[in-house]
Amino acid sequence: ELSRLDVVINDPVLRVDGRKGIVDLMLSRQIPRNHGNEREHLVVELKRPNVKIGKKEIDQIESYALVVAKDERFRGVDTKWHFLIISNDYDDYADIKLNAEGNKGGVLFRFTKNMDVTVWLKTWSLLLTENNHRLHFIRDKLNYNIGSEQALRNLKKTHAKFIEGIKVKEDEAETVD
């Protein structure tokens, strides 16, 4: 068995079929909680709006998740992995998986034996609705409400050197949200 020092960390992560997986977007953050080494990764697979998410697309995102779950470089690290596939719509196969027992909120698959890996399916409309709700919740809880006039003043003050010489008509400035 290899020790942590023997593991080559710069090799690409290969899919189950041996091919190199290329993800559309990967975001990472270190979570400032009581454990300084806790990390969270979001891997996003974007599909064209006219592509309904079905078995082929779900197999693709799940294969990425399973490869990460099996990769020795990621074992024993306090990390949460979220794999998200997004398009405008999904087919009956995806609907059955989304409504399987224990799945809710867009979860397709969850693995927590050796590490925390969750695979999500979201439509653009659901994603925008959830985040709009989150925005309003935060605004309400923080009692934070900035008007367009105040936002423009702040933008001009903060980024003056980048917008120098740009003129905005007053009626256009009032429509900015």
C-alpha atoms as a PDB file:
ATOM      1  CA  GLU A   1       0.000   0.000   0.000  1.00  0.00           C
ATOM      2  CA  LEU A   2       1.236   3.480  -0.920  1.00  0.00           C
ATOM      3  CA  SER A   3       1.811   6.118   1.721  1.00  0.00           C
ATOM      4  CA  ARG A   4       0.502   9.676   1.246  1.00  0.00           C
ATOM      5  CA  LEU A   5       4.033  10.718   0.241  1.00  0.00           C
ATOM      6  CA  ASP A   6       4.177   8.133  -2.578  1.00  0.00           C
ATOM      7  CA  VAL A   7       1.001   9.346  -4.296  1.00  0.00           C
ATOM      8  CA  VAL A   8       1.590  11.408  -7.452  1.00  0.00           C
ATOM      9  CA  ILE A   9      -0.746  14.365  -7.125  1.00  0.00           C
ATOM     10  CA  ASN A  10      -0.160  15.998 -10.519  1.00  0.00           C
ATOM     11  CA  ASP A  11      -1.517  13.136 -12.632  1.00  0.00           C
ATOM     12  CA  PRO A  12      -4.899  13.800 -14.260  1.00  0.00           C
ATOM     13  CA  VAL A  13      -8.006  12.242 -12.757  1.00  0.00           C
ATOM     14  CA  LEU A  14      -9.163   9.618 -15.255  1.00  0.00           C
ATOM     15  CA  ARG A  15     -12.761   8.516 -15.751  1.00  0.00           C
ATOM     16  CA  VAL A  16     -13.819   4.928 -15.128  1.00  0.00           C
ATOM     17  CA  ASP A  17     -13.321   4.084 -18.830  1.00  0.00           C
ATOM     18  CA  GLY A  18      -9.737   5.460 -18.677  1.00  0.00           C
ATOM     19  CA  ARG A  19     -10.454   8.641 -20.619  1.00  0.00           C
ATOM     20  CA  LYS A  20      -9.470  12.034 -19.272  1.00  0.00           C
ATOM     21  CA  GLY A  21     -12.515  13.907 -17.980  1.00  0.00           C
ATOM     22  CA  ILE A  22     -12.728  17.598 -18.756  1.00  0.00           C
ATOM     23  CA  VAL A  23     -15.170  19.473 -16.562  1.00  0.00           C
ATOM     24  CA  ASP A  24     -16.761  22.769 -17.561  1.00  0.00           C
ATOM     25  CA  LEU A  25     -16.227  24.540 -14.252  1.00  0.00           C
ATOM     26  CA  MET A  26     -14.637  23.779 -10.890  1.00  0.00           C
ATOM     27  CA  LEU A  27     -14.822  26.059  -7.874  1.00  0.00           C
ATOM     28  CA  SER A  28     -13.167  25.472  -4.504  1.00  0.00           C
ATOM     29  CA  ARG A  29     -13.208  27.157  -1.154  1.00  0.00           C
ATOM     30  CA  GLN A  30     -11.735  26.666   2.269  1.00  0.00           C
ATOM     31  CA  ILE A  31     -14.494  26.892   4.816  1.00  0.00           C
ATOM     32  CA  PRO A  32     -13.705  29.186   7.747  1.00  0.00           C
ATOM     33  CA  ARG A  33     -15.137  27.072  10.541  1.00  0.00           C
ATOM     34  CA  ASN A  34     -13.637  25.399  13.561  1.00  0.00           C
ATOM     35  CA  HIS A  35     -11.584  23.135  11.251  1.00  0.00           C
ATOM     36  CA  GLY A  36      -9.125  25.198   9.191  1.00  0.00           C
ATOM     37  CA  ASN A  37      -8.424  22.408   6.718  1.00  0.00           C
ATOM     38  CA  GLU A  38     -12.039  21.761   5.702  1.00  0.00           C
ATOM     39  CA  ARG A  39     -12.600  22.323   1.981  1.00  0.00           C
ATOM     40  CA  GLU A  40     -15.522  22.250  -0.406  1.00  0.00           C
ATOM     41  CA  HIS A  41     -15.370  21.687  -4.176  1.00  0.00           C
ATOM     42  CA  LEU A  42     -18.066  22.306  -6.761  1.00  0.00           C
ATOM     43  CA  VAL A  43     -17.700  20.654 -10.165  1.00  0.00           C
ATOM     44  CA  VAL A  44     -20.212  21.941 -12.728  1.00  0.00           C
ATOM     45  CA  GLU A  45     -21.166  20.301 -16.000  1.00  0.00           C
ATOM     46  CA  LEU A  46     -23.103  22.672 -18.260  1.00  0.00           C
ATOM     47  CA  LYS A  47     -25.280  21.297 -21.046  1.00  0.00           C
ATOM     48  CA  ARG A  48     -26.641  23.244 -24.001  1.00  0.00           C
ATOM     49  CA  PRO A  49     -30.176  24.520 -23.296  1.00  0.00           C
ATOM     50  CA  ASN A  50     -31.621  22.203 -25.959  1.00  0.00           C
ATOM     51  CA  VAL A  51     -30.014  19.101 -24.352  1.00  0.00           C
ATOM     52  CA  LYS A  52     -32.400  17.311 -22.020  1.00  0.00           C
ATOM     53  CA  ILE A  53     -30.496  15.686 -19.185  1.00  0.00           C
ATOM     54  CA  GLY A  54     -30.945  11.936 -19.456  1.00  0.00           C
ATOM     55  CA  LYS A  55     -29.080   8.698 -18.787  1.00  0.00           C
ATOM     56  CA  LYS A  56     -26.023   9.635 -20.874  1.00  0.00           C
ATOM     57  CA  GLU A  57     -25.552  12.999 -19.134  1.00  0.00           C
ATOM     58  CA  ILE A  58     -26.212  11.557 -15.672  1.00  0.00           C
ATOM     59  CA  ASP A  59     -23.729   8.739 -16.304  1.00  0.00           C
ATOM     60  CA  GLN A  60     -21.137  11.366 -17.263  1.00  0.00           C
ATOM     61  CA  ILE A  61     -21.497  13.458 -14.074  1.00  0.00           C
ATOM     62  CA  GLU A  62     -21.745  10.356 -11.869  1.00  0.00           C
ATOM     63  CA  SER A  63     -18.579   8.946 -13.462  1.00  0.00           C
ATOM     64  CA  TYR A  64     -16.721  12.129 -12.474  1.00  0.00           C
ATOM     65  CA  ALA A  65     -18.006  11.778  -8.906  1.00  0.00           C
ATOM     66  CA  LEU A  66     -17.152   8.079  -8.640  1.00  0.00           C
ATOM     67  CA  VAL A  67     -13.628   8.641  -9.932  1.00  0.00           C
ATOM     68  CA  VAL A  68     -13.011  11.319  -7.304  1.00  0.00           C
ATOM     69  CA  ALA A  69     -14.516   9.101  -4.600  1.00  0.00           C
ATOM     70  CA  LYS A  70     -12.138   6.246  -5.532  1.00  0.00           C
ATOM     71  CA  ASP A  71      -9.004   8.369  -6.058  1.00  0.00           C
ATOM     72  CA  GLU A  72      -6.471   7.853  -3.267  1.00  0.00           C
ATOM     73  CA  ARG A  73      -5.358  11.493  -3.496  1.00  0.00           C
ATOM     74  CA  PHE A  74      -8.677  12.616  -2.047  1.00  0.00           C
ATOM     75  CA  ARG A  75      -9.051  10.036   0.741  1.00  0.00           C
ATOM     76  CA  GLY A  76      -8.657  11.193   4.318  1.00  0.00           C
ATOM     77  CA  VAL A  77      -9.032  14.856   3.373  1.00  0.00           C
ATOM     78  CA  ASP A  78     -11.791  16.824   5.106  1.00  0.00           C
ATOM     79  CA  THR A  79     -13.540  17.794   1.877  1.00  0.00           C
ATOM     80  CA  LYS A  80     -17.071  17.956   0.531  1.00  0.00           C
ATOM     81  CA  TRP A  81     -17.553  17.385  -3.188  1.00  0.00           C
ATOM     82  CA  HIS A  82     -20.600  18.642  -5.095  1.00  0.00           C
ATOM     83  CA  PHE A  83     -21.069  17.627  -8.729  1.00  0.00           C
ATOM     84  CA  LEU A  84     -23.749  19.643 -10.507  1.00  0.00           C
ATOM     85  CA  ILE A  85     -25.224  19.119 -13.958  1.00  0.00           C
ATOM     86  CA  ILE A  86     -27.343  21.943 -15.403  1.00  0.00           C
ATOM     87  CA  SER A  87     -29.602  22.327 -18.429  1.00  0.00           C
ATOM     88  CA  ASN A  88     -33.078  23.660 -19.215  1.00  0.00           C
ATOM     89  CA  ASP A  89     -34.867  20.328 -18.885  1.00  0.00           C
ATOM     90  CA  TYR A  90     -34.529  16.617 -18.137  1.00  0.00           C
ATOM     91  CA  ASP A  91     -36.194  13.437 -19.335  1.00  0.00           C
ATOM     92  CA  ASP A  92     -38.216  10.682 -17.611  1.00  0.00           C
ATOM     93  CA  TYR A  93     -35.079   8.731 -16.625  1.00  0.00           C
ATOM     94  CA  ALA A  94     -33.717  11.760 -14.759  1.00  0.00           C
ATOM     95  CA  ASP A  95     -37.118  12.375 -13.181  1.00  0.00           C
ATOM     96  CA  ILE A  96     -37.168   8.818 -11.788  1.00  0.00           C
ATOM     97  CA  LYS A  97     -33.663   9.246 -10.337  1.00  0.00           C
ATOM     98  CA  LEU A  98     -34.566  12.624  -8.829  1.00  0.00           C
ATOM     99  CA  ASN A  99     -37.617  11.118  -7.146  1.00  0.00           C
ATOM    100  CA  ALA A 100     -35.920   7.953  -5.877  1.00  0.00           C
ATOM    101  CA  GLU A 101     -36.326   7.283  -2.171  1.00  0.00           C
ATOM    102  CA  GLY A 102     -34.018   9.482  -0.133  1.00  0.00           C
ATOM    103  CA  ASN A 103     -33.325  11.926  -2.972  1.00  0.00           C
ATOM    104  CA  LYS A 104     -34.699  15.441  -2.697  1.00  0.00           C
ATOM    105  CA  GLY A 105     -33.827  18.958  -3.697  1.00  0.00           C
ATOM    106  CA  GLY A 106     -32.160  17.906  -6.936  1.00  0.00           C
ATOM    107  CA  VAL A 107     -29.930  15.168  -5.487  1.00  0.00           C
ATOM    108  CA  LEU A 108     -29.269  12.306  -7.903  1.00  0.00           C
ATOM    109  CA  PHE A 109     -26.683  10.408  -5.904  1.00  0.00           C
ATOM    110  CA  ARG A 110     -24.936  10.710  -2.517  1.00  0.00           C
ATOM    111  CA  PHE A 111     -21.881   8.820  -1.305  1.00  0.00           C
ATOM    112  CA  THR A 112     -20.623   9.306   2.254  1.00  0.00           C
ATOM    113  CA  LYS A 113     -18.702   6.122   3.087  1.00  0.00           C
ATOM    114  CA  ASN A 114     -15.108   7.426   2.825  1.00  0.00           C
ATOM    115  CA  MET A 115     -15.821  10.983   1.746  1.00  0.00           C
ATOM    116  CA  ASP A 116     -18.731  13.349   1.216  1.00  0.00           C
ATOM    117  CA  VAL A 117     -19.753  13.317  -2.482  1.00  0.00           C
ATOM    118  CA  THR A 118     -23.125  14.555  -3.769  1.00  0.00           C
ATOM    119  CA  VAL A 119     -24.327  14.655  -7.392  1.00  0.00           C
ATOM    120  CA  TRP A 120     -27.000  17.220  -8.207  1.00  0.00           C
ATOM    121  CA  LEU A 121     -29.241  17.906 -11.204  1.00  0.00           C
ATOM    122  CA  LYS A 122     -30.663  21.416 -11.537  1.00  0.00           C
ATOM    123  CA  THR A 123     -32.520  23.218 -14.266  1.00  0.00           C
ATOM    124  CA  TRP A 124     -31.629  26.828 -14.945  1.00  0.00           C
ATOM    125  CA  SER A 125     -35.072  27.951 -13.785  1.00  0.00           C
ATOM    126  CA  LEU A 126     -34.757  26.095 -10.470  1.00  0.00           C
ATOM    127  CA  LEU A 127     -31.209  27.355  -9.903  1.00  0.00           C
ATOM    128  CA  LEU A 128     -32.246  30.967 -10.533  1.00  0.00           C
ATOM    129  CA  THR A 129     -35.345  30.638  -8.335  1.00  0.00           C
ATOM    130  CA  GLU A 130     -33.352  29.146  -5.435  1.00  0.00           C
ATOM    131  CA  ASN A 131     -30.712  31.837  -5.596  1.00  0.00           C
ATOM    132  CA  ASN A 132     -33.257  34.627  -5.971  1.00  0.00           C
ATOM    133  CA  HIS A 133     -34.959  33.318  -2.819  1.00  0.00           C
ATOM    134  CA  ARG A 134     -31.569  33.178  -1.070  1.00  0.00           C
ATOM    135  CA  LEU A 135     -30.824  36.776  -2.105  1.00  0.00           C
ATOM    136  CA  HIS A 136     -34.149  38.012  -0.716  1.00  0.00           C
ATOM    137  CA  PHE A 137     -33.673  36.015   2.491  1.00  0.00           C
ATOM    138  CA  ILE A 138     -30.232  37.550   3.079  1.00  0.00           C
ATOM    139  CA  ARG A 139     -31.495  41.039   2.248  1.00  0.00           C
ATOM    140  CA  ASP A 140     -34.349  40.640   4.724  1.00  0.00           C
ATOM    141  CA  LYS A 141     -32.212  39.167   7.502  1.00  0.00           C
ATOM    142  CA  LEU A 142     -29.464  41.744   7.099  1.00  0.00           C
ATOM    143  CA  ASN A 143     -32.014  44.490   6.547  1.00  0.00           C
ATOM    144  CA  TYR A 144     -29.916  45.354   3.505  1.00  0.00           C
ATOM    145  CA  ASN A 145     -31.452  47.253   0.658  1.00  0.00           C
ATOM    146  CA  ILE A 146     -29.389  49.288  -1.739  1.00  0.00           C
ATOM    147  CA  GLY A 147     -31.054  51.467  -4.329  1.00  0.00           C
ATOM    148  CA  SER A 148     -29.752  51.905  -7.862  1.00  0.00           C
ATOM    149  CA  GLU A 149     -28.667  55.488  -7.181  1.00  0.00           C
ATOM    150  CA  GLN A 150     -26.642  54.428  -4.143  1.00  0.00           C
ATOM    151  CA  ALA A 151     -25.203  51.472  -6.083  1.00  0.00           C
ATOM    152  CA  LEU A 152     -24.049  53.747  -8.913  1.00  0.00           C
ATOM    153  CA  ARG A 153     -22.444  56.179  -6.445  1.00  0.00           C
ATOM    154  CA  ASN A 154     -20.598  53.277  -4.816  1.00  0.00           C
ATOM    155  CA  LEU A 155     -19.521  51.900  -8.211  1.00  0.00           C
ATOM    156  CA  LYS A 156     -18.193  55.300  -9.294  1.00  0.00           C
ATOM    157  CA  LYS A 157     -16.324  55.760  -6.009  1.00  0.00           C
ATOM    158  CA  THR A 158     -14.850  52.249  -5.878  1.00  0.00           C
ATOM    159  CA  HIS A 159     -13.932  51.856  -9.548  1.00  0.00           C
ATOM    160  CA  ALA A 160     -13.428  55.464 -10.649  1.00  0.00           C
ATOM    161  CA  LYS A 161     -10.186  54.764 -12.507  1.00  0.00           C
ATOM    162  CA  PHE A 162     -11.879  52.098 -14.676  1.00  0.00           C
ATOM    163  CA  ILE A 163     -14.973  54.072 -15.607  1.00  0.00           C
ATOM    164  CA  GLU A 164     -13.359  57.459 -16.082  1.00  0.00           C
ATOM    165  CA  GLY A 165     -14.890  59.242 -19.066  1.00  0.00           C
ATOM    166  CA  ILE A 166     -17.960  56.987 -19.310  1.00  0.00           C
ATOM    167  CA  LYS A 167     -21.203  58.937 -19.254  1.00  0.00           C
ATOM    168  CA  VAL A 168     -24.535  57.469 -18.219  1.00  0.00           C
ATOM    169  CA  LYS A 169     -27.839  59.142 -18.992  1.00  0.00           C
ATOM    170  CA  GLU A 170     -29.836  59.872 -15.849  1.00  0.00           C
ATOM    171  CA  ASP A 171     -32.894  57.891 -17.037  1.00  0.00           C
ATOM    172  CA  GLU A 172     -30.659  54.828 -17.716  1.00  0.00           C
ATOM    173  CA  ALA A 173     -29.074  55.091 -14.275  1.00  0.00           C
ATOM    174  CA  GLU A 174     -32.497  54.897 -12.629  1.00  0.00           C
ATOM    175  CA  THR A 175     -33.315  51.558 -14.293  1.00  0.00           C
ATOM    176  CA  VAL A 176     -30.231  49.731 -12.976  1.00  0.00           C
ATOM    177  CA  ASP A 177     -31.097  47.015 -10.424  1.00  0.00           C
END
